[in-house]
Amino acid sequence: MAIRGPQGVPAFLEKRREIRQLEEENANLRRDIDNRQKLIHELQYSKDKQDEVIRRYLHEGKPNEVQFILPDRSGSVNPVPPQPQAR
């Protein structure tokens, strides 16, 4: 068994690093899937959650409701132009 060369310890260490990276990515994807499944379940059974998500997505509020839209952490605001309101 060769310890040096392209099939030696450096290749082994690189494969271990790659495996750790893929396991971490897998865990992140599993967490994302679980969060989405939870949201889907909440949306199926909660009218309030549906209303909350729709209003957040459309940037609309209920009548007589004041809404503040702040920039996200990257400093940019979601580029949705304001909709004219009927009076």
Protein backbone atom coordinates (compact mmCIF):
# COMPACT_ATOMS: atom_id res chain seq x y z
CA MET A 1 0.00 0.00 0.00
CA ALA A 2 1.43 3.36 -1.05
CA ILE A 3 1.25 6.28 1.38
CA ARG A 4 2.64 8.82 -1.04
CA GLY A 5 1.53 9.72 -4.51
CA PRO A 6 -1.85 10.52 -6.04
CA GLN A 7 -3.60 7.61 -4.26
CA GLY A 8 -1.98 8.19 -0.84
CA VAL A 9 -2.75 10.24 2.24
CA PRO A 10 -3.40 13.55 0.41
CA ALA A 11 -6.08 11.90 -1.74
CA PHE A 12 -7.59 10.28 1.34
CA LEU A 13 -7.73 13.61 3.20
CA GLU A 14 -9.27 15.33 0.19
CA LYS A 15 -11.98 12.66 -0.04
CA ARG A 16 -12.74 13.03 3.69
CA ARG A 17 -13.05 16.82 3.26
CA GLU A 18 -15.35 16.34 0.27
CA ILE A 19 -17.51 13.85 2.20
CA ARG A 20 -17.83 16.26 5.15
CA GLN A 21 -18.83 19.06 2.78
CA LEU A 22 -21.47 16.89 1.08
CA GLU A 23 -22.83 15.71 4.44
CA GLU A 24 -23.20 19.33 5.56
CA GLU A 25 -24.94 20.25 2.31
CA ASN A 26 -27.22 17.22 2.74
CA ALA A 27 -28.13 18.32 6.28
CA ASN A 28 -28.92 21.85 5.04
CA LEU A 29 -31.12 20.49 2.27
CA ARG A 30 -32.92 18.16 4.71
CA ARG A 31 -33.56 21.14 7.02
CA ASP A 32 -34.91 23.15 4.08
CA ILE A 33 -37.19 20.29 3.03
CA ASP A 34 -38.49 19.90 6.59
CA ASN A 35 -39.19 23.64 6.85
CA ARG A 36 -41.05 23.65 3.54
CA GLN A 37 -43.10 20.61 4.53
CA LYS A 38 -44.03 22.35 7.79
CA LEU A 39 -45.05 25.50 5.88
CA ILE A 40 -47.14 23.45 3.43
CA HIS A 41 -48.89 21.73 6.34
CA GLU A 42 -49.58 25.08 8.03
CA LEU A 43 -50.90 26.55 4.78
CA GLN A 44 -53.24 23.59 4.28
CA TYR A 45 -54.84 23.84 7.71
CA SER A 46 -54.51 27.48 8.81
CA LYS A 47 -56.45 30.24 7.10
CA ASP A 48 -54.52 32.81 9.19
CA LYS A 49 -51.18 31.46 7.91
CA GLN A 50 -52.47 31.61 4.31
CA ASP A 51 -53.52 35.22 4.84
CA GLU A 52 -50.17 36.12 6.40
CA VAL A 53 -48.11 34.60 3.57
CA ILE A 54 -50.27 36.12 0.83
CA ARG A 55 -50.17 39.60 2.38
CA ARG A 56 -46.39 39.39 2.87
CA TYR A 57 -45.85 38.21 -0.72
CA LEU A 58 -48.10 40.87 -2.25
CA HIS A 59 -47.02 43.62 0.16
CA GLU A 60 -50.63 44.40 0.89
CA GLY A 61 -52.37 45.02 4.18
CA LYS A 62 -55.81 44.84 5.61
CA PRO A 63 -58.02 47.96 5.51
CA ASN A 64 -56.78 50.64 7.96
CA GLU A 65 -53.56 48.71 8.55
CA VAL A 66 -50.19 50.50 8.49
CA GLN A 67 -47.40 48.49 6.94
CA PHE A 68 -43.66 49.16 7.02
CA ILE A 69 -41.49 47.49 4.38
CA LEU A 70 -37.85 47.44 5.42
CA PRO A 71 -34.88 46.43 3.27
CA ASP A 72 -33.57 42.93 3.79
CA ARG A 73 -30.11 42.29 5.24
CA SER A 74 -28.40 42.71 1.87
CA GLY A 75 -29.70 46.29 1.74
CA SER A 76 -32.07 45.90 -1.19
CA VAL A 77 -35.84 46.15 -1.15
CA ASN A 78 -37.96 43.61 -3.00
CA PRO A 79 -38.52 45.30 -6.41
CA VAL A 80 -42.33 45.21 -6.42
CA PRO A 81 -43.85 48.50 -7.58
CA PRO A 82 -46.74 49.85 -5.49
CA GLN A 83 -50.20 49.05 -6.80
CA PRO A 84 -52.67 51.90 -7.25
CA GLN A 85 -55.49 51.65 -4.74
CA ALA A 86 -59.11 52.25 -5.62
CA ARG A 87 -60.77 54.99 -3.58
